[in-house]
Amino acid sequence: MARVLIVEDDRSLNEGLAYALKQELFEVITAYSGEEALELFRSHDIHLLLLDVNLPGQNGRVLCEEIRKMSSVPIIFLTAKDTDEDMIAGFQSGADDYIAKPFSMAVLSQRIKAVLRRGGAPGNTELFTYKDLTIHYDKMKVFKHQEELKLTTSEYKLLAMLAKNSKQVMTREIMLEKLWDMDGLFVDENTLSVNIRRLRAKIEDNPKHPVYIKTVFGIGYTWGD
């Protein structure tokens, strides 16, 4: 199920969009300002943004540029301004599509589905962002605060596996099975524990109180919240 972040300061419109998209079986998160949206984006796995251009404080184009520094998630602008100049400015800031108010929900729904198809199905994208950490699966690179982390092959494989299974608890047995390869990586529980410890030292602000890789005592590990 695709998760959509609606960023719209008009509470009535925001709530109406959320209700309509839930009927279309989208998962919906709502924000009413750019600052709130950025915080939610960093703490959730978002598949698409519906972004009002004229937000209080940080406007939509500035927010779009901020998000583009960390993610290629699809963004559709919602705006009452539909001149060529406005649309060009929106696309230059990183938008994938642009829809003028007022619009029909049927049209918006189809535009969302079209943009998601172009970007690939949720959960299979080449980019994963959670809080301040971004994983580029296609390049096998990991960034925190937009700075690349130097991970070993085994550390990267462990991180990618946990992120790709972020909705479930991974038992140590399953992790050992998934991460074993012909090079003999992760062949025992001690090796797994060592790599978890080294990985936490590189990605966590405080490895003793992890926010990315959390221990489920007696079972294994899980990703984030």
C-alpha atoms as a PDB file:
ATOM      1  CA  MET A   1       0.000   0.000   0.000  1.00  0.00           C
ATOM      2  CA  ALA A   2       1.451   3.359  -1.048  1.00  0.00           C
ATOM      3  CA  ARG A   3       1.921   5.904   1.737  1.00  0.00           C
ATOM      4  CA  VAL A   4       1.031   9.492   0.729  1.00  0.00           C
ATOM      5  CA  LEU A   5       2.061  12.584   2.685  1.00  0.00           C
ATOM      6  CA  ILE A   6      -0.420  15.444   2.131  1.00  0.00           C
ATOM      7  CA  VAL A   7       1.058  18.886   2.839  1.00  0.00           C
ATOM      8  CA  GLU A   8      -1.766  21.426   2.729  1.00  0.00           C
ATOM      9  CA  ASP A   9      -2.469  24.253   5.202  1.00  0.00           C
ATOM     10  CA  ASP A  10      -6.178  24.427   4.330  1.00  0.00           C
ATOM     11  CA  ARG A  11      -7.480  22.039   6.996  1.00  0.00           C
ATOM     12  CA  SER A  12     -10.755  21.362   5.213  1.00  0.00           C
ATOM     13  CA  LEU A  13      -9.062  20.512   1.926  1.00  0.00           C
ATOM     14  CA  ASN A  14      -6.379  18.466   3.701  1.00  0.00           C
ATOM     15  CA  GLU A  15      -8.969  16.378   5.540  1.00  0.00           C
ATOM     16  CA  GLY A  16     -11.050  15.962   2.371  1.00  0.00           C
ATOM     17  CA  LEU A  17      -8.045  14.747   0.387  1.00  0.00           C
ATOM     18  CA  ALA A  18      -7.058  12.355   3.177  1.00  0.00           C
ATOM     19  CA  TYR A  19     -10.545  10.862   3.347  1.00  0.00           C
ATOM     20  CA  ALA A  20     -10.805  10.433  -0.436  1.00  0.00           C
ATOM     21  CA  LEU A  21      -7.367   8.834  -0.779  1.00  0.00           C
ATOM     22  CA  LYS A  22      -8.059   6.406   2.058  1.00  0.00           C
ATOM     23  CA  GLN A  23     -11.115   5.255   0.108  1.00  0.00           C
ATOM     24  CA  GLU A  24      -8.708   4.543  -2.770  1.00  0.00           C
ATOM     25  CA  LEU A  25      -6.740   2.325  -0.335  1.00  0.00           C
ATOM     26  CA  PHE A  26      -3.800   4.690   0.080  1.00  0.00           C
ATOM     27  CA  GLU A  27      -2.186   5.074   3.482  1.00  0.00           C
ATOM     28  CA  VAL A  28      -2.268   8.778   4.341  1.00  0.00           C
ATOM     29  CA  ILE A  29      -0.233  11.061   6.604  1.00  0.00           C
ATOM     30  CA  THR A  30      -1.110  14.761   6.847  1.00  0.00           C
ATOM     31  CA  ALA A  31       0.876  17.925   7.549  1.00  0.00           C
ATOM     32  CA  TYR A  32      -0.139  21.585   7.606  1.00  0.00           C
ATOM     33  CA  SER A  33       3.230  23.319   7.221  1.00  0.00           C
ATOM     34  CA  GLY A  34       6.571  22.749   5.545  1.00  0.00           C
ATOM     35  CA  GLU A  35       8.365  22.299   8.845  1.00  0.00           C
ATOM     36  CA  GLU A  36       5.889  19.657  10.033  1.00  0.00           C
ATOM     37  CA  ALA A  37       6.065  17.909   6.651  1.00  0.00           C
ATOM     38  CA  LEU A  38       9.858  17.717   6.728  1.00  0.00           C
ATOM     39  CA  GLU A  39       9.808  16.169  10.189  1.00  0.00           C
ATOM     40  CA  LEU A  40       7.220  13.588   9.115  1.00  0.00           C
ATOM     41  CA  PHE A  41       9.120  12.809   5.926  1.00  0.00           C
ATOM     42  CA  ARG A  42      12.289  12.082   7.871  1.00  0.00           C
ATOM     43  CA  SER A  43      10.508   9.777  10.317  1.00  0.00           C
ATOM     44  CA  HIS A  44       8.323   7.801   7.867  1.00  0.00           C
ATOM     45  CA  ASP A  45       8.805   5.803   4.692  1.00  0.00           C
ATOM     46  CA  ILE A  46       6.881   8.082   2.282  1.00  0.00           C
ATOM     47  CA  HIS A  47       6.077   6.941  -1.277  1.00  0.00           C
ATOM     48  CA  LEU A  48       4.575  10.182  -2.636  1.00  0.00           C
ATOM     49  CA  LEU A  49       3.964  13.792  -1.562  1.00  0.00           C
ATOM     50  CA  LEU A  50       0.979  15.976  -2.424  1.00  0.00           C
ATOM     51  CA  LEU A  51       2.438  19.399  -1.800  1.00  0.00           C
ATOM     52  CA  ASP A  52       0.651  22.758  -1.726  1.00  0.00           C
ATOM     53  CA  VAL A  53       2.853  25.524  -3.147  1.00  0.00           C
ATOM     54  CA  ASN A  54       1.579  28.334  -0.900  1.00  0.00           C
ATOM     55  CA  LEU A  55       2.352  27.090   2.583  1.00  0.00           C
ATOM     56  CA  PRO A  56       2.811  29.312   5.658  1.00  0.00           C
ATOM     57  CA  GLY A  57       6.464  29.912   6.463  1.00  0.00           C
ATOM     58  CA  GLN A  58       8.526  27.650   4.210  1.00  0.00           C
ATOM     59  CA  ASN A  59       6.719  27.525   0.851  1.00  0.00           C
ATOM     60  CA  GLY A  60       6.198  24.361  -1.139  1.00  0.00           C
ATOM     61  CA  ARG A  61       8.966  24.941  -3.669  1.00  0.00           C
ATOM     62  CA  VAL A  62      11.549  25.463  -0.918  1.00  0.00           C
ATOM     63  CA  LEU A  63      10.338  22.305   0.823  1.00  0.00           C
ATOM     64  CA  CYS A  64      10.538  20.405  -2.474  1.00  0.00           C
ATOM     65  CA  GLU A  65      14.151  21.513  -2.932  1.00  0.00           C
ATOM     66  CA  GLU A  66      14.972  20.380   0.615  1.00  0.00           C
ATOM     67  CA  ILE A  67      13.465  16.948   0.031  1.00  0.00           C
ATOM     68  CA  ARG A  68      15.250  16.590  -3.304  1.00  0.00           C
ATOM     69  CA  LYS A  69      18.575  16.869  -1.444  1.00  0.00           C
ATOM     70  CA  MET A  70      17.807  13.567   0.296  1.00  0.00           C
ATOM     71  CA  SER A  71      15.260  11.693  -1.811  1.00  0.00           C
ATOM     72  CA  SER A  72      13.806  11.157  -5.285  1.00  0.00           C
ATOM     73  CA  VAL A  73      10.327  10.393  -3.873  1.00  0.00           C
ATOM     74  CA  PRO A  74       7.559  11.474  -6.315  1.00  0.00           C
ATOM     75  CA  ILE A  75       6.126  14.953  -5.605  1.00  0.00           C
ATOM     76  CA  ILE A  76       2.926  16.404  -7.053  1.00  0.00           C
ATOM     77  CA  PHE A  77       2.304  20.124  -6.561  1.00  0.00           C
ATOM     78  CA  LEU A  78      -1.197  21.338  -5.739  1.00  0.00           C
ATOM     79  CA  THR A  79      -1.703  25.039  -6.483  1.00  0.00           C
ATOM     80  CA  ALA A  80      -4.154  27.731  -7.484  1.00  0.00           C
ATOM     81  CA  LYS A  81      -1.460  29.273  -9.674  1.00  0.00           C
ATOM     82  CA  ASP A  82      -1.304  27.553 -13.047  1.00  0.00           C
ATOM     83  CA  THR A  83       0.595  29.987 -15.269  1.00  0.00           C
ATOM     84  CA  ASP A  84       3.463  28.663 -17.383  1.00  0.00           C
ATOM     85  CA  GLU A  85       5.923  30.533 -15.156  1.00  0.00           C
ATOM     86  CA  ASP A  86       4.521  28.949 -12.001  1.00  0.00           C
ATOM     87  CA  MET A  87       4.589  25.465 -13.498  1.00  0.00           C
ATOM     88  CA  ILE A  88       8.138  25.868 -14.780  1.00  0.00           C
ATOM     89  CA  ALA A  89       9.280  27.064 -11.331  1.00  0.00           C
ATOM     90  CA  GLY A  90       7.614  24.031  -9.785  1.00  0.00           C
ATOM     91  CA  PHE A  91       9.298  21.567 -12.122  1.00  0.00           C
ATOM     92  CA  GLN A  92      12.654  23.296 -11.670  1.00  0.00           C
ATOM     93  CA  SER A  93      12.382  22.857  -7.899  1.00  0.00           C
ATOM     94  CA  GLY A  94      11.977  19.100  -8.397  1.00  0.00           C
ATOM     95  CA  ALA A  95       8.248  18.377  -8.827  1.00  0.00           C
ATOM     96  CA  ASP A  96       7.157  15.341 -10.856  1.00  0.00           C
ATOM     97  CA  ASP A  97       3.686  16.669 -11.683  1.00  0.00           C
ATOM     98  CA  TYR A  98       1.565  19.762 -11.228  1.00  0.00           C
ATOM     99  CA  ILE A  99      -2.206  19.962 -10.757  1.00  0.00           C
ATOM    100  CA  ALA A 100      -4.191  23.205 -10.509  1.00  0.00           C
ATOM    101  CA  LYS A 101      -6.976  23.837  -8.003  1.00  0.00           C
ATOM    102  CA  PRO A 102      -9.860  23.151  -8.219  1.00  0.00           C
ATOM    103  CA  PHE A 103      -9.442  19.573  -9.417  1.00  0.00           C
ATOM    104  CA  SER A 104     -11.512  16.400  -9.356  1.00  0.00           C
ATOM    105  CA  MET A 105     -10.500  13.556  -7.078  1.00  0.00           C
ATOM    106  CA  ALA A 106     -10.843  11.122  -9.973  1.00  0.00           C
ATOM    107  CA  VAL A 107      -8.205  13.030 -11.956  1.00  0.00           C
ATOM    108  CA  LEU A 108      -5.924  13.440  -8.928  1.00  0.00           C
ATOM    109  CA  SER A 109      -6.151   9.723  -8.146  1.00  0.00           C
ATOM    110  CA  GLN A 110      -5.117   8.803 -11.683  1.00  0.00           C
ATOM    111  CA  ARG A 111      -2.247  11.305 -11.624  1.00  0.00           C
ATOM    112  CA  ILE A 112      -0.992   9.800  -8.346  1.00  0.00           C
ATOM    113  CA  LYS A 113      -1.154   6.268  -9.738  1.00  0.00           C
ATOM    114  CA  ALA A 114       0.632   7.333 -12.939  1.00  0.00           C
ATOM    115  CA  VAL A 115       3.472   8.992 -11.015  1.00  0.00           C
ATOM    116  CA  LEU A 116       3.834   5.950  -8.737  1.00  0.00           C
ATOM    117  CA  ARG A 117       3.992   3.642 -11.769  1.00  0.00           C
ATOM    118  CA  ARG A 118       6.801   5.730 -13.245  1.00  0.00           C
ATOM    119  CA  GLY A 119       8.684   5.616  -9.951  1.00  0.00           C
ATOM    120  CA  GLY A 120       8.216   1.880  -9.365  1.00  0.00           C
ATOM    121  CA  ALA A 121       6.130   0.003  -6.838  1.00  0.00           C
ATOM    122  CA  PRO A 122       6.435   0.990  -3.142  1.00  0.00           C
ATOM    123  CA  GLY A 123       9.009  -1.115  -1.354  1.00  0.00           C
ATOM    124  CA  ASN A 124      11.009  -1.778  -4.530  1.00  0.00           C
ATOM    125  CA  THR A 125      12.427   1.705  -5.114  1.00  0.00           C
ATOM    126  CA  GLU A 126      16.146   2.311  -5.459  1.00  0.00           C
ATOM    127  CA  LEU A 127      16.122   4.868  -2.648  1.00  0.00           C
ATOM    128  CA  PHE A 128      15.173   4.390   1.007  1.00  0.00           C
ATOM    129  CA  THR A 129      15.038   7.284   3.491  1.00  0.00           C
ATOM    130  CA  TYR A 130      14.420   7.059   7.224  1.00  0.00           C
ATOM    131  CA  LYS A 131      15.086   9.983   9.566  1.00  0.00           C
ATOM    132  CA  ASP A 132      18.543  11.295   8.545  1.00  0.00           C
ATOM    133  CA  LEU A 133      19.684   8.090   6.829  1.00  0.00           C
ATOM    134  CA  THR A 134      19.369   7.421   3.080  1.00  0.00           C
ATOM    135  CA  ILE A 135      20.227   4.150   1.320  1.00  0.00           C
ATOM    136  CA  HIS A 136      20.874   4.113  -2.436  1.00  0.00           C
ATOM    137  CA  TYR A 137      20.228   0.467  -3.260  1.00  0.00           C
ATOM    138  CA  ASP A 138      21.288   0.844  -6.906  1.00  0.00           C
ATOM    139  CA  LYS A 139      24.673   2.313  -5.943  1.00  0.00           C
ATOM    140  CA  MET A 140      25.084   0.381  -2.677  1.00  0.00           C
ATOM    141  CA  LYS A 141      25.787   3.636  -0.853  1.00  0.00           C
ATOM    142  CA  VAL A 142      24.539   4.969   2.466  1.00  0.00           C
ATOM    143  CA  PHE A 143      24.334   8.621   3.538  1.00  0.00           C
ATOM    144  CA  LYS A 144      23.669  10.263   6.884  1.00  0.00           C
ATOM    145  CA  HIS A 145      23.126  14.011   7.031  1.00  0.00           C
ATOM    146  CA  GLN A 146      23.979  13.881   3.288  1.00  0.00           C
ATOM    147  CA  GLU A 147      27.493  12.558   4.041  1.00  0.00           C
ATOM    148  CA  GLU A 148      28.457   9.115   2.736  1.00  0.00           C
ATOM    149  CA  LEU A 149      29.168   6.445   5.348  1.00  0.00           C
ATOM    150  CA  LYS A 150      32.012   4.013   4.770  1.00  0.00           C
ATOM    151  CA  LEU A 151      30.522   0.562   5.266  1.00  0.00           C
ATOM    152  CA  THR A 152      32.024  -2.829   4.593  1.00  0.00           C
ATOM    153  CA  THR A 153      30.198  -5.168   2.210  1.00  0.00           C
ATOM    154  CA  SER A 154      28.887  -7.233   5.107  1.00  0.00           C
ATOM    155  CA  GLU A 155      27.714  -4.122   6.997  1.00  0.00           C
ATOM    156  CA  TYR A 156      25.910  -2.813   3.922  1.00  0.00           C
ATOM    157  CA  LYS A 157      24.175  -6.149   3.300  1.00  0.00           C
ATOM    158  CA  LEU A 158      23.005  -6.236   6.896  1.00  0.00           C
ATOM    159  CA  LEU A 159      21.719  -2.653   6.797  1.00  0.00           C
ATOM    160  CA  ALA A 160      19.907  -3.135   3.471  1.00  0.00           C
ATOM    161  CA  MET A 161      18.282  -6.347   4.663  1.00  0.00           C
ATOM    162  CA  LEU A 162      16.910  -4.708   7.825  1.00  0.00           C
ATOM    163  CA  ALA A 163      15.680  -1.617   5.941  1.00  0.00           C
ATOM    164  CA  LYS A 164      13.935  -3.694   3.257  1.00  0.00           C
ATOM    165  CA  ASN A 165      12.148  -5.626   6.002  1.00  0.00           C
ATOM    166  CA  SER A 166      11.360  -2.574   8.128  1.00  0.00           C
ATOM    167  CA  LYS A 167       7.818  -3.705   8.927  1.00  0.00           C
ATOM    168  CA  GLN A 168       8.794  -6.907  10.719  1.00  0.00           C
ATOM    169  CA  VAL A 169      10.988  -8.338  13.429  1.00  0.00           C
ATOM    170  CA  MET A 170      13.863 -10.315  11.935  1.00  0.00           C
ATOM    171  CA  THR A 171      14.903 -13.327  13.994  1.00  0.00           C
ATOM    172  CA  ARG A 172      18.584 -14.096  14.210  1.00  0.00           C
ATOM    173  CA  GLU A 173      17.965 -17.390  12.429  1.00  0.00           C
ATOM    174  CA  ILE A 174      16.286 -15.692   9.456  1.00  0.00           C
ATOM    175  CA  MET A 175      19.014 -13.058   9.297  1.00  0.00           C
ATOM    176  CA  LEU A 176      21.734 -15.692   9.251  1.00  0.00           C
ATOM    177  CA  GLU A 177      19.927 -17.545   6.476  1.00  0.00           C
ATOM    178  CA  LYS A 178      19.328 -14.416   4.372  1.00  0.00           C
ATOM    179  CA  LEU A 179      22.831 -13.016   4.764  1.00  0.00           C
ATOM    180  CA  TRP A 180      24.906 -16.144   4.282  1.00  0.00           C
ATOM    181  CA  ASP A 181      26.717 -16.244   0.942  1.00  0.00           C
ATOM    182  CA  MET A 182      29.486 -18.124  -0.870  1.00  0.00           C
ATOM    183  CA  ASP A 183      32.131 -15.908   0.720  1.00  0.00           C
ATOM    184  CA  GLY A 184      31.193 -17.250   4.121  1.00  0.00           C
ATOM    185  CA  LEU A 185      29.749 -13.998   5.470  1.00  0.00           C
ATOM    186  CA  PHE A 186      27.538 -14.210   8.573  1.00  0.00           C
ATOM    187  CA  VAL A 187      28.090 -17.912   9.165  1.00  0.00           C
ATOM    188  CA  ASP A 188      27.534 -17.742  12.916  1.00  0.00           C
ATOM    189  CA  GLU A 189      25.734 -15.669  15.533  1.00  0.00           C
ATOM    190  CA  ASN A 190      28.924 -14.137  16.892  1.00  0.00           C
ATOM    191  CA  THR A 191      29.754 -12.677  13.474  1.00  0.00           C
ATOM    192  CA  LEU A 192      26.235 -11.271  13.236  1.00  0.00           C
ATOM    193  CA  SER A 193      26.530  -9.634  16.671  1.00  0.00           C
ATOM    194  CA  VAL A 194      29.903  -8.119  15.791  1.00  0.00           C
ATOM    195  CA  ASN A 195      28.552  -6.628  12.560  1.00  0.00           C
ATOM    196  CA  ILE A 196      25.462  -5.246  14.309  1.00  0.00           C
ATOM    197  CA  ARG A 197      27.737  -3.557  16.846  1.00  0.00           C
ATOM    198  CA  ARG A 198      30.038  -2.103  14.153  1.00  0.00           C
ATOM    199  CA  LEU A 199      27.100  -0.930  12.058  1.00  0.00           C
ATOM    200  CA  ARG A 200      25.464   0.806  14.993  1.00  0.00           C
ATOM    201  CA  ALA A 201      28.741   2.594  15.724  1.00  0.00           C
ATOM    202  CA  LYS A 202      28.605   4.065  12.213  1.00  0.00           C
ATOM    203  CA  ILE A 203      24.930   4.968  11.819  1.00  0.00           C
ATOM    204  CA  GLU A 204      23.640   5.702  15.328  1.00  0.00           C
ATOM    205  CA  ASP A 205      24.146   8.994  17.153  1.00  0.00           C
ATOM    206  CA  ASN A 206      24.256   6.976  20.371  1.00  0.00           C
ATOM    207  CA  PRO A 207      24.866   3.241  19.771  1.00  0.00           C
ATOM    208  CA  LYS A 208      23.768   2.470  23.342  1.00  0.00           C
ATOM    209  CA  HIS A 209      20.335   3.933  22.541  1.00  0.00           C
ATOM    210  CA  PRO A 210      19.784   3.003  18.877  1.00  0.00           C
ATOM    211  CA  VAL A 211      16.985   4.516  16.787  1.00  0.00           C
ATOM    212  CA  TYR A 212      17.717   2.686  13.517  1.00  0.00           C
ATOM    213  CA  ILE A 213      18.555  -0.902  14.511  1.00  0.00           C
ATOM    214  CA  LYS A 214      16.664  -1.972  17.624  1.00  0.00           C
ATOM    215  CA  THR A 215      17.100  -5.201  19.536  1.00  0.00           C
ATOM    216  CA  VAL A 216      14.080  -7.399  20.182  1.00  0.00           C
ATOM    217  CA  PHE A 217      15.424  -9.307  23.183  1.00  0.00           C
ATOM    218  CA  GLY A 218      15.528 -13.053  22.816  1.00  0.00           C
ATOM    219  CA  ILE A 219      14.382 -12.863  19.183  1.00  0.00           C
ATOM    220  CA  GLY A 220      16.468 -10.664  16.887  1.00  0.00           C
ATOM    221  CA  TYR A 221      16.321  -7.122  15.503  1.00  0.00           C
ATOM    222  CA  THR A 222      13.940  -4.677  13.872  1.00  0.00           C
ATOM    223  CA  TRP A 223      14.325  -1.455  11.931  1.00  0.00           C
ATOM    224  CA  GLY A 224      13.355   1.860  13.523  1.00  0.00           C
ATOM    225  CA  ASP A 225       9.901   2.404  14.956  1.00  0.00           C
END
